[in-house]
Amino acid sequence: MPFGPASRLGVERFDSDSPYENFSGDPDASKVEVINAVYRQVMGNAYVMDSERQLVPESQFKLGEISVREFIRRIAKSELYQSRFFDACSRYRYIELAFRHLLGRAPASFQEMRVHAERLDTLGYGADIDSFLDSDEYQNTFGEYTVPYQRGWKTESCSTMQEFGWSFQLLRGNSSSSLKGDLAGISSRLGGAVYQNRPLAVIAPSSAETQGWSFRPATNLQDATTRLGAGAVGRMYRINVTGYKANNIRPISRYIKSNRVYFVPYEKLSQEYKRIHKEGGVISSITPM
């Protein structure tokens, strides 16, 4: 059951439609609706131009040669999806969005995200997409014929309250698109809460009477929290990093202890985050000083 009315939680747009399904023998009009629903879900409600549509997979689906799940696999592995959500985004922002687009929920923990990060490093992008679509969770929830839908904001869909709170961070924003109008943009929306495995409060939406998650005024710039609740301007953070390789030949311990420690002001966290991942490091924790 939903945790209160969807309109009060700011996720009413995900509560208005029934799941889209397609079975053998369904009319062509139904297949067109399913194709459009797949683009909305997998592409994060972003606009897809006619020239960007994946015409070959669409044709295969209409002819009954591939299922809904296999059609989704081709969209998620396409250059269109990869260029928008993998190449252009930070590593953990891509993983957040892949959970939202393909499983309809937020990650449950940092460990769950790290598994995907390591798979990307060892097996590559295509194998990571397959791991979502071939998982028992996907098969048991959506099967071959149902288009994935947002389910993380409903309490029965979450394994932990942490995942429940994280779902609202990923679903709500200035726009229903995954990137356009989103406060996080191409950076991780869960931020330091991921590395600390820290739950986030579910804040009510803004209204004429209240100032909620979409507006968080700052009275003092030195200790003002951001609208994402990630930290304070001017505050220093300690970043523990593992996973570096000595001379790119011999791996150093990845999990027992940190290889390096950085002290970074909040306003440079995003820049440092990208640099570390570009160099192949794995952030084990981000702690305010």
C-alpha atoms as a PDB file:
ATOM      1  CA  MET A   1       0.000   0.000   0.000  1.00  0.00           C
ATOM      2  CA  PRO A   2       1.160   3.583  -0.573  1.00  0.00           C
ATOM      3  CA  PHE A   3       2.619   5.430   2.407  1.00  0.00           C
ATOM      4  CA  GLY A   4      -0.098   8.094   2.405  1.00  0.00           C
ATOM      5  CA  PRO A   5      -1.768   9.771  -0.619  1.00  0.00           C
ATOM      6  CA  ALA A   6       0.524  10.014  -3.624  1.00  0.00           C
ATOM      7  CA  SER A   7      -0.333  13.714  -4.024  1.00  0.00           C
ATOM      8  CA  ARG A   8       0.926  14.450  -0.496  1.00  0.00           C
ATOM      9  CA  LEU A   9       4.170  12.635  -1.244  1.00  0.00           C
ATOM     10  CA  GLY A  10       4.833  14.390  -4.540  1.00  0.00           C
ATOM     11  CA  VAL A  11       4.727  11.210  -6.652  1.00  0.00           C
ATOM     12  CA  GLU A  12       1.175  11.369  -7.984  1.00  0.00           C
ATOM     13  CA  ARG A  13       2.374  11.111 -11.593  1.00  0.00           C
ATOM     14  CA  PHE A  14       3.535   7.538 -10.850  1.00  0.00           C
ATOM     15  CA  ASP A  15       0.173   6.539  -9.357  1.00  0.00           C
ATOM     16  CA  SER A  16      -2.097   7.495 -12.268  1.00  0.00           C
ATOM     17  CA  ASP A  17      -1.531   4.656 -14.764  1.00  0.00           C
ATOM     18  CA  SER A  18      -1.903   0.899 -14.623  1.00  0.00           C
ATOM     19  CA  PRO A  19       1.114  -1.182 -15.662  1.00  0.00           C
ATOM     20  CA  TYR A  20       1.469  -1.724 -19.408  1.00  0.00           C
ATOM     21  CA  GLU A  21       1.490  -5.327 -20.598  1.00  0.00           C
ATOM     22  CA  ASN A  22       1.690  -7.030 -23.976  1.00  0.00           C
ATOM     23  CA  PHE A  23       0.870 -10.633 -24.786  1.00  0.00           C
ATOM     24  CA  SER A  24       0.927 -12.698 -27.955  1.00  0.00           C
ATOM     25  CA  GLY A  25      -2.021 -11.794 -30.171  1.00  0.00           C
ATOM     26  CA  ASP A  26      -2.555  -8.300 -28.762  1.00  0.00           C
ATOM     27  CA  PRO A  27      -3.592  -5.728 -31.430  1.00  0.00           C
ATOM     28  CA  ASP A  28      -1.036  -3.420 -33.045  1.00  0.00           C
ATOM     29  CA  ALA A  29      -2.517  -0.379 -31.280  1.00  0.00           C
ATOM     30  CA  SER A  30      -1.756  -2.002 -27.930  1.00  0.00           C
ATOM     31  CA  LYS A  31       1.817  -2.693 -29.043  1.00  0.00           C
ATOM     32  CA  VAL A  32       2.309   0.972 -29.957  1.00  0.00           C
ATOM     33  CA  GLU A  33       1.138   1.971 -26.465  1.00  0.00           C
ATOM     34  CA  VAL A  34       3.616  -0.480 -24.924  1.00  0.00           C
ATOM     35  CA  ILE A  35       6.475   0.842 -27.093  1.00  0.00           C
ATOM     36  CA  ASN A  36       5.731   4.402 -25.975  1.00  0.00           C
ATOM     37  CA  ALA A  37       5.514   3.258 -22.345  1.00  0.00           C
ATOM     38  CA  VAL A  38       8.928   1.569 -22.649  1.00  0.00           C
ATOM     39  CA  TYR A  39      10.503   4.772 -23.944  1.00  0.00           C
ATOM     40  CA  ARG A  40       8.930   6.797 -21.101  1.00  0.00           C
ATOM     41  CA  GLN A  41      10.128   4.387 -18.435  1.00  0.00           C
ATOM     42  CA  VAL A  42      13.572   3.417 -19.711  1.00  0.00           C
ATOM     43  CA  MET A  43      14.489   6.887 -20.957  1.00  0.00           C
ATOM     44  CA  GLY A  44      13.340   8.511 -17.719  1.00  0.00           C
ATOM     45  CA  ASN A  45      10.434  10.381 -19.335  1.00  0.00           C
ATOM     46  CA  ALA A  46      12.895  12.272 -21.531  1.00  0.00           C
ATOM     47  CA  TYR A  47      11.865  13.373 -25.004  1.00  0.00           C
ATOM     48  CA  VAL A  48      12.967  11.012 -27.770  1.00  0.00           C
ATOM     49  CA  MET A  49      13.091  12.426 -31.294  1.00  0.00           C
ATOM     50  CA  ASP A  50      11.866  10.372 -34.243  1.00  0.00           C
ATOM     51  CA  SER A  51      15.429  10.106 -35.530  1.00  0.00           C
ATOM     52  CA  GLU A  52      16.522   8.613 -32.184  1.00  0.00           C
ATOM     53  CA  ARG A  53      13.907   5.868 -32.003  1.00  0.00           C
ATOM     54  CA  GLN A  54      15.192   2.313 -32.214  1.00  0.00           C
ATOM     55  CA  LEU A  55      13.303   1.248 -35.347  1.00  0.00           C
ATOM     56  CA  VAL A  56      14.711  -2.276 -35.714  1.00  0.00           C
ATOM     57  CA  PRO A  57      13.832  -3.394 -32.144  1.00  0.00           C
ATOM     58  CA  GLU A  58      10.427  -1.699 -32.509  1.00  0.00           C
ATOM     59  CA  SER A  59       9.748  -3.693 -35.669  1.00  0.00           C
ATOM     60  CA  GLN A  60      10.901  -6.941 -34.031  1.00  0.00           C
ATOM     61  CA  PHE A  61       8.572  -6.307 -31.110  1.00  0.00           C
ATOM     62  CA  LYS A  62       5.573  -5.527 -33.337  1.00  0.00           C
ATOM     63  CA  LEU A  63       6.197  -8.742 -35.294  1.00  0.00           C
ATOM     64  CA  GLY A  64       6.282 -10.746 -32.075  1.00  0.00           C
ATOM     65  CA  GLU A  65       9.938 -11.743 -32.496  1.00  0.00           C
ATOM     66  CA  ILE A  66      10.990 -10.338 -29.116  1.00  0.00           C
ATOM     67  CA  SER A  67       9.217  -9.849 -25.774  1.00  0.00           C
ATOM     68  CA  VAL A  68       8.788  -6.643 -23.796  1.00  0.00           C
ATOM     69  CA  ARG A  69      11.831  -7.552 -21.693  1.00  0.00           C
ATOM     70  CA  GLU A  70      14.024  -8.109 -24.754  1.00  0.00           C
ATOM     71  CA  PHE A  71      12.783  -4.848 -26.295  1.00  0.00           C
ATOM     72  CA  ILE A  72      13.785  -3.047 -23.089  1.00  0.00           C
ATOM     73  CA  ARG A  73      17.193  -4.728 -23.215  1.00  0.00           C
ATOM     74  CA  ARG A  74      17.816  -3.333 -26.716  1.00  0.00           C
ATOM     75  CA  ILE A  75      16.755   0.173 -25.673  1.00  0.00           C
ATOM     76  CA  ALA A  76      18.920   0.115 -22.542  1.00  0.00           C
ATOM     77  CA  LYS A  77      21.942  -1.099 -24.522  1.00  0.00           C
ATOM     78  CA  SER A  78      21.415   1.392 -27.330  1.00  0.00           C
ATOM     79  CA  GLU A  79      23.757   4.279 -28.032  1.00  0.00           C
ATOM     80  CA  LEU A  80      20.842   6.589 -27.201  1.00  0.00           C
ATOM     81  CA  TYR A  81      20.542   5.361 -23.606  1.00  0.00           C
ATOM     82  CA  GLN A  82      24.284   4.946 -23.080  1.00  0.00           C
ATOM     83  CA  SER A  83      25.102   8.453 -24.299  1.00  0.00           C
ATOM     84  CA  ARG A  84      22.469  10.090 -22.081  1.00  0.00           C
ATOM     85  CA  PHE A  85      22.764   8.162 -18.846  1.00  0.00           C
ATOM     86  CA  PHE A  86      26.143   6.411 -18.834  1.00  0.00           C
ATOM     87  CA  ASP A  87      28.647   8.449 -20.824  1.00  0.00           C
ATOM     88  CA  ALA A  88      27.302  11.825 -19.625  1.00  0.00           C
ATOM     89  CA  CYS A  89      26.751  10.946 -15.951  1.00  0.00           C
ATOM     90  CA  SER A  90      28.946  10.103 -13.001  1.00  0.00           C
ATOM     91  CA  ARG A  91      29.296   6.380 -12.277  1.00  0.00           C
ATOM     92  CA  TYR A  92      26.933   6.267  -9.316  1.00  0.00           C
ATOM     93  CA  ARG A  93      24.396   8.582 -10.966  1.00  0.00           C
ATOM     94  CA  TYR A  94      24.143   6.067 -13.825  1.00  0.00           C
ATOM     95  CA  ILE A  95      23.633   3.220 -11.329  1.00  0.00           C
ATOM     96  CA  GLU A  96      20.913   5.177  -9.492  1.00  0.00           C
ATOM     97  CA  LEU A  97      19.105   5.788 -12.768  1.00  0.00           C
ATOM     98  CA  ALA A  98      19.487   2.191 -13.976  1.00  0.00           C
ATOM     99  CA  PHE A  99      17.773   0.997 -10.783  1.00  0.00           C
ATOM    100  CA  ARG A 100      14.984   3.518 -11.342  1.00  0.00           C
ATOM    101  CA  HIS A 101      14.577   2.820 -15.071  1.00  0.00           C
ATOM    102  CA  LEU A 102      14.927  -0.978 -15.096  1.00  0.00           C
ATOM    103  CA  LEU A 103      13.758  -2.132 -11.650  1.00  0.00           C
ATOM    104  CA  GLY A 104      11.478   0.768 -10.717  1.00  0.00           C
ATOM    105  CA  ARG A 105      13.098   1.390  -7.347  1.00  0.00           C
ATOM    106  CA  ALA A 106      16.071   2.961  -5.609  1.00  0.00           C
ATOM    107  CA  PRO A 107      19.185   0.995  -4.618  1.00  0.00           C
ATOM    108  CA  ALA A 108      18.858  -0.670  -1.229  1.00  0.00           C
ATOM    109  CA  SER A 109      22.425  -0.024  -0.022  1.00  0.00           C
ATOM    110  CA  PHE A 110      25.897   1.096  -0.985  1.00  0.00           C
ATOM    111  CA  GLN A 111      26.914  -2.553  -1.283  1.00  0.00           C
ATOM    112  CA  GLU A 112      24.244  -3.094  -3.937  1.00  0.00           C
ATOM    113  CA  MET A 113      25.552  -0.113  -5.906  1.00  0.00           C
ATOM    114  CA  ARG A 114      29.170  -1.195  -5.491  1.00  0.00           C
ATOM    115  CA  VAL A 115      28.397  -4.602  -7.012  1.00  0.00           C
ATOM    116  CA  HIS A 116      27.267  -2.834 -10.183  1.00  0.00           C
ATOM    117  CA  ALA A 117      30.284  -0.516 -10.147  1.00  0.00           C
ATOM    118  CA  GLU A 118      32.637  -3.493  -9.973  1.00  0.00           C
ATOM    119  CA  ARG A 119      30.733  -5.301 -12.735  1.00  0.00           C
ATOM    120  CA  LEU A 120      31.163  -2.259 -14.951  1.00  0.00           C
ATOM    121  CA  ASP A 121      34.909  -2.312 -14.270  1.00  0.00           C
ATOM    122  CA  THR A 122      35.321  -6.025 -14.960  1.00  0.00           C
ATOM    123  CA  LEU A 123      32.650  -6.996 -17.506  1.00  0.00           C
ATOM    124  CA  GLY A 124      31.494  -3.728 -19.042  1.00  0.00           C
ATOM    125  CA  TYR A 125      28.326  -1.771 -19.694  1.00  0.00           C
ATOM    126  CA  GLY A 126      26.376  -4.450 -21.565  1.00  0.00           C
ATOM    127  CA  ALA A 127      26.903  -7.027 -18.826  1.00  0.00           C
ATOM    128  CA  ASP A 128      25.660  -4.577 -16.214  1.00  0.00           C
ATOM    129  CA  ILE A 129      22.438  -3.944 -18.144  1.00  0.00           C
ATOM    130  CA  ASP A 130      21.960  -7.719 -18.473  1.00  0.00           C
ATOM    131  CA  SER A 131      22.397  -8.128 -14.709  1.00  0.00           C
ATOM    132  CA  PHE A 132      19.325  -5.942 -14.100  1.00  0.00           C
ATOM    133  CA  LEU A 133      17.106  -7.585 -16.719  1.00  0.00           C
ATOM    134  CA  ASP A 134      18.186 -11.171 -16.014  1.00  0.00           C
ATOM    135  CA  SER A 135      17.842 -10.871 -12.238  1.00  0.00           C
ATOM    136  CA  ASP A 136      15.319 -12.914 -10.283  1.00  0.00           C
ATOM    137  CA  GLU A 137      13.836  -9.667  -9.009  1.00  0.00           C
ATOM    138  CA  TYR A 138      13.050  -8.438 -12.521  1.00  0.00           C
ATOM    139  CA  GLN A 139      11.609 -11.776 -13.597  1.00  0.00           C
ATOM    140  CA  ASN A 140       9.460 -12.161 -10.480  1.00  0.00           C
ATOM    141  CA  THR A 141       8.202  -8.561 -10.621  1.00  0.00           C
ATOM    142  CA  PHE A 142       7.759  -7.834 -14.326  1.00  0.00           C
ATOM    143  CA  GLY A 143       8.380 -11.061 -16.230  1.00  0.00           C
ATOM    144  CA  GLU A 144       8.554 -11.080 -20.021  1.00  0.00           C
ATOM    145  CA  TYR A 145       5.480  -9.006 -20.827  1.00  0.00           C
ATOM    146  CA  THR A 146       5.171  -6.102 -18.350  1.00  0.00           C
ATOM    147  CA  VAL A 147       6.820  -2.689 -18.738  1.00  0.00           C
ATOM    148  CA  PRO A 148       8.690  -1.782 -15.516  1.00  0.00           C
ATOM    149  CA  TYR A 149       7.043   0.928 -13.421  1.00  0.00           C
ATOM    150  CA  GLN A 150       7.977   3.018 -10.391  1.00  0.00           C
ATOM    151  CA  ARG A 151       7.211   0.970  -7.301  1.00  0.00           C
ATOM    152  CA  GLY A 152       9.771   2.046  -4.683  1.00  0.00           C
ATOM    153  CA  TRP A 153       7.485   4.654  -3.091  1.00  0.00           C
ATOM    154  CA  LYS A 154       4.984   1.962  -2.079  1.00  0.00           C
ATOM    155  CA  THR A 155       5.952   0.386   1.202  1.00  0.00           C
ATOM    156  CA  GLU A 156       5.373  -3.234   0.214  1.00  0.00           C
ATOM    157  CA  SER A 157       7.973  -2.871  -2.566  1.00  0.00           C
ATOM    158  CA  CYS A 158      10.858  -1.898  -0.287  1.00  0.00           C
ATOM    159  CA  SER A 159      13.096  -4.235   1.653  1.00  0.00           C
ATOM    160  CA  THR A 160      14.213  -1.451   4.016  1.00  0.00           C
ATOM    161  CA  MET A 161      13.019   1.983   5.073  1.00  0.00           C
ATOM    162  CA  GLN A 162      16.353   3.311   3.809  1.00  0.00           C
ATOM    163  CA  GLU A 163      15.461   2.233   0.276  1.00  0.00           C
ATOM    164  CA  PHE A 164      12.020   3.788   0.750  1.00  0.00           C
ATOM    165  CA  GLY A 165      13.516   7.166   1.654  1.00  0.00           C
ATOM    166  CA  TRP A 166      16.074   6.993  -1.127  1.00  0.00           C
ATOM    167  CA  SER A 167      13.276   6.358  -3.647  1.00  0.00           C
ATOM    168  CA  PHE A 168      11.860   9.818  -3.012  1.00  0.00           C
ATOM    169  CA  GLN A 169      15.250  11.397  -3.674  1.00  0.00           C
ATOM    170  CA  LEU A 170      15.291   9.764  -7.122  1.00  0.00           C
ATOM    171  CA  LEU A 171      11.646  10.285  -8.080  1.00  0.00           C
ATOM    172  CA  ARG A 172      10.938  13.863  -7.084  1.00  0.00           C
ATOM    173  CA  GLY A 173      12.297  16.995  -8.685  1.00  0.00           C
ATOM    174  CA  ASN A 174      11.443  20.054 -10.754  1.00  0.00           C
ATOM    175  CA  SER A 175      10.753  17.827 -13.751  1.00  0.00           C
ATOM    176  CA  SER A 176       9.545  14.293 -14.274  1.00  0.00           C
ATOM    177  CA  SER A 177      12.548  13.731 -16.531  1.00  0.00           C
ATOM    178  CA  SER A 178      15.496  11.857 -15.007  1.00  0.00           C
ATOM    179  CA  LEU A 179      17.944  14.654 -15.895  1.00  0.00           C
ATOM    180  CA  LYS A 180      16.233  17.763 -17.255  1.00  0.00           C
ATOM    181  CA  GLY A 181      15.206  20.056 -14.403  1.00  0.00           C
ATOM    182  CA  ASP A 182      16.589  17.684 -11.774  1.00  0.00           C
ATOM    183  CA  LEU A 183      18.606  19.358  -9.029  1.00  0.00           C
ATOM    184  CA  ALA A 184      21.254  16.629  -9.179  1.00  0.00           C
ATOM    185  CA  GLY A 185      21.693  16.691 -12.954  1.00  0.00           C
ATOM    186  CA  ILE A 186      24.470  14.269 -13.907  1.00  0.00           C
ATOM    187  CA  SER A 187      25.803  13.946 -10.344  1.00  0.00           C
ATOM    188  CA  SER A 188      24.692  11.345  -7.803  1.00  0.00           C
ATOM    189  CA  ARG A 189      21.432  12.422  -6.210  1.00  0.00           C
ATOM    190  CA  LEU A 190      21.884  10.265  -3.131  1.00  0.00           C
ATOM    191  CA  GLY A 191      25.338  11.759  -2.547  1.00  0.00           C
ATOM    192  CA  GLY A 192      27.087  11.035   0.729  1.00  0.00           C
ATOM    193  CA  ALA A 193      24.085   9.130   2.077  1.00  0.00           C
ATOM    194  CA  VAL A 194      25.118   6.220  -0.153  1.00  0.00           C
ATOM    195  CA  TYR A 195      28.671   5.903   1.181  1.00  0.00           C
ATOM    196  CA  GLN A 196      27.481   6.171   4.766  1.00  0.00           C
ATOM    197  CA  ASN A 197      24.447   3.875   4.185  1.00  0.00           C
ATOM    198  CA  ARG A 198      22.434   6.670   5.778  1.00  0.00           C
ATOM    199  CA  PRO A 199      18.621   6.907   5.433  1.00  0.00           C
ATOM    200  CA  LEU A 200      17.104  10.169   4.211  1.00  0.00           C
ATOM    201  CA  ALA A 201      13.942  11.739   5.588  1.00  0.00           C
ATOM    202  CA  VAL A 202      10.846  11.891   3.377  1.00  0.00           C
ATOM    203  CA  ILE A 203      10.006  15.597   3.284  1.00  0.00           C
ATOM    204  CA  ALA A 204       6.524  16.736   2.283  1.00  0.00           C
ATOM    205  CA  PRO A 205       6.155  18.660  -1.011  1.00  0.00           C
ATOM    206  CA  SER A 206       5.933  22.443  -1.087  1.00  0.00           C
ATOM    207  CA  SER A 207       2.539  24.107  -1.031  1.00  0.00           C
ATOM    208  CA  ALA A 208       1.012  27.518  -0.435  1.00  0.00           C
ATOM    209  CA  GLU A 209       1.169  26.843   3.308  1.00  0.00           C
ATOM    210  CA  THR A 210       4.451  24.925   3.612  1.00  0.00           C
ATOM    211  CA  GLN A 211       7.970  25.010   2.224  1.00  0.00           C
ATOM    212  CA  GLY A 212       8.871  21.393   1.535  1.00  0.00           C
ATOM    213  CA  TRP A 213      11.376  19.339  -0.442  1.00  0.00           C
ATOM    214  CA  SER A 214      11.320  21.561  -3.540  1.00  0.00           C
ATOM    215  CA  PHE A 215      12.204  24.733  -1.598  1.00  0.00           C
ATOM    216  CA  ARG A 216      14.685  24.805   1.269  1.00  0.00           C
ATOM    217  CA  PRO A 217      15.570  28.441   2.135  1.00  0.00           C
ATOM    218  CA  ALA A 218      18.976  29.266   3.635  1.00  0.00           C
ATOM    219  CA  THR A 219      19.155  31.893   6.382  1.00  0.00           C
ATOM    220  CA  ASN A 220      22.929  31.666   6.890  1.00  0.00           C
ATOM    221  CA  LEU A 221      25.156  30.715   3.955  1.00  0.00           C
ATOM    222  CA  GLN A 222      27.884  29.359   6.239  1.00  0.00           C
ATOM    223  CA  ASP A 223      25.753  26.626   7.773  1.00  0.00           C
ATOM    224  CA  ALA A 224      22.934  26.394   5.247  1.00  0.00           C
ATOM    225  CA  THR A 225      22.039  22.904   4.032  1.00  0.00           C
ATOM    226  CA  THR A 226      21.450  22.373   0.341  1.00  0.00           C
ATOM    227  CA  ARG A 227      18.074  21.474  -1.145  1.00  0.00           C
ATOM    228  CA  LEU A 228      19.264  17.868  -1.360  1.00  0.00           C
ATOM    229  CA  GLY A 229      20.372  17.820   2.261  1.00  0.00           C
ATOM    230  CA  ALA A 230      23.865  16.715   1.198  1.00  0.00           C
ATOM    231  CA  GLY A 231      26.002  19.113   3.201  1.00  0.00           C
ATOM    232  CA  ALA A 232      26.860  22.698   4.116  1.00  0.00           C
ATOM    233  CA  VAL A 233      28.641  25.337   2.068  1.00  0.00           C
ATOM    234  CA  GLY A 234      32.214  25.800   3.278  1.00  0.00           C
ATOM    235  CA  ARG A 235      32.245  22.659   5.414  1.00  0.00           C
ATOM    236  CA  MET A 236      35.189  20.253   5.058  1.00  0.00           C
ATOM    237  CA  TYR A 237      34.709  16.562   4.273  1.00  0.00           C
ATOM    238  CA  ARG A 238      37.064  13.597   4.621  1.00  0.00           C
ATOM    239  CA  ILE A 239      37.015  11.203   1.629  1.00  0.00           C
ATOM    240  CA  ASN A 240      38.418   7.696   2.134  1.00  0.00           C
ATOM    241  CA  VAL A 241      39.341   6.062  -1.179  1.00  0.00           C
ATOM    242  CA  THR A 242      40.130   2.418  -1.988  1.00  0.00           C
ATOM    243  CA  GLY A 243      40.744   0.489  -5.170  1.00  0.00           C
ATOM    244  CA  TYR A 244      43.748   2.346  -6.572  1.00  0.00           C
ATOM    245  CA  LYS A 245      46.395   0.259  -8.340  1.00  0.00           C
ATOM    246  CA  ALA A 246      50.115   0.659  -7.722  1.00  0.00           C
ATOM    247  CA  ASN A 247      51.669   1.571 -11.077  1.00  0.00           C
ATOM    248  CA  ASN A 248      48.523   0.117 -12.679  1.00  0.00           C
ATOM    249  CA  ILE A 249      49.942  -3.380 -12.176  1.00  0.00           C
ATOM    250  CA  ARG A 250      49.413  -4.726  -8.654  1.00  0.00           C
ATOM    251  CA  PRO A 251      46.065  -4.079  -6.923  1.00  0.00           C
ATOM    252  CA  ILE A 252      46.233  -2.674  -3.413  1.00  0.00           C
ATOM    253  CA  SER A 253      43.700  -3.809  -0.785  1.00  0.00           C
ATOM    254  CA  ARG A 254      40.212  -2.705  -1.838  1.00  0.00           C
ATOM    255  CA  TYR A 255      38.198  -3.242   1.329  1.00  0.00           C
ATOM    256  CA  ILE A 256      40.386  -3.639   4.430  1.00  0.00           C
ATOM    257  CA  LYS A 257      41.522  -0.028   4.647  1.00  0.00           C
ATOM    258  CA  SER A 258      41.670   3.134   2.612  1.00  0.00           C
ATOM    259  CA  ASN A 259      44.511   3.659   0.174  1.00  0.00           C
ATOM    260  CA  ARG A 260      44.225   7.448   0.305  1.00  0.00           C
ATOM    261  CA  VAL A 261      42.473  10.157   2.287  1.00  0.00           C
ATOM    262  CA  TYR A 262      41.437  13.571   0.927  1.00  0.00           C
ATOM    263  CA  PHE A 263      40.094  16.618   2.767  1.00  0.00           C
ATOM    264  CA  VAL A 264      37.743  18.569   0.492  1.00  0.00           C
ATOM    265  CA  PRO A 265      35.397  21.552   1.016  1.00  0.00           C
ATOM    266  CA  TYR A 266      31.752  20.837   0.260  1.00  0.00           C
ATOM    267  CA  GLU A 267      31.635  23.030  -2.854  1.00  0.00           C
ATOM    268  CA  LYS A 268      34.376  20.895  -4.470  1.00  0.00           C
ATOM    269  CA  LEU A 269      32.947  17.482  -3.528  1.00  0.00           C
ATOM    270  CA  SER A 270      31.398  16.859  -6.937  1.00  0.00           C
ATOM    271  CA  GLN A 271      34.604  17.788  -8.774  1.00  0.00           C
ATOM    272  CA  GLU A 272      36.700  15.532  -6.536  1.00  0.00           C
ATOM    273  CA  TYR A 273      34.133  12.721  -6.803  1.00  0.00           C
ATOM    274  CA  LYS A 274      34.458  12.686 -10.617  1.00  0.00           C
ATOM    275  CA  ARG A 275      38.257  12.860 -10.504  1.00  0.00           C
ATOM    276  CA  ILE A 276      38.558   9.911  -8.119  1.00  0.00           C
ATOM    277  CA  HIS A 277      36.311   7.678 -10.222  1.00  0.00           C
ATOM    278  CA  LYS A 278      38.052   8.735 -13.419  1.00  0.00           C
ATOM    279  CA  GLU A 279      41.331   7.541 -11.904  1.00  0.00           C
ATOM    280  CA  GLY A 280      39.781   4.207 -10.939  1.00  0.00           C
ATOM    281  CA  GLY A 281      39.385   4.803  -7.198  1.00  0.00           C
ATOM    282  CA  VAL A 282      36.426   3.532  -5.136  1.00  0.00           C
ATOM    283  CA  ILE A 283      35.078   5.904  -2.466  1.00  0.00           C
ATOM    284  CA  SER A 284      34.550   3.952   0.751  1.00  0.00           C
ATOM    285  CA  SER A 285      33.186   6.841   2.829  1.00  0.00           C
ATOM    286  CA  ILE A 286      32.564  10.579   2.898  1.00  0.00           C
ATOM    287  CA  THR A 287      32.526  12.035   6.415  1.00  0.00           C
ATOM    288  CA  PRO A 288      31.945  15.652   7.520  1.00  0.00           C
ATOM    289  CA  MET A 289      34.809  17.067   9.536  1.00  0.00           C
END
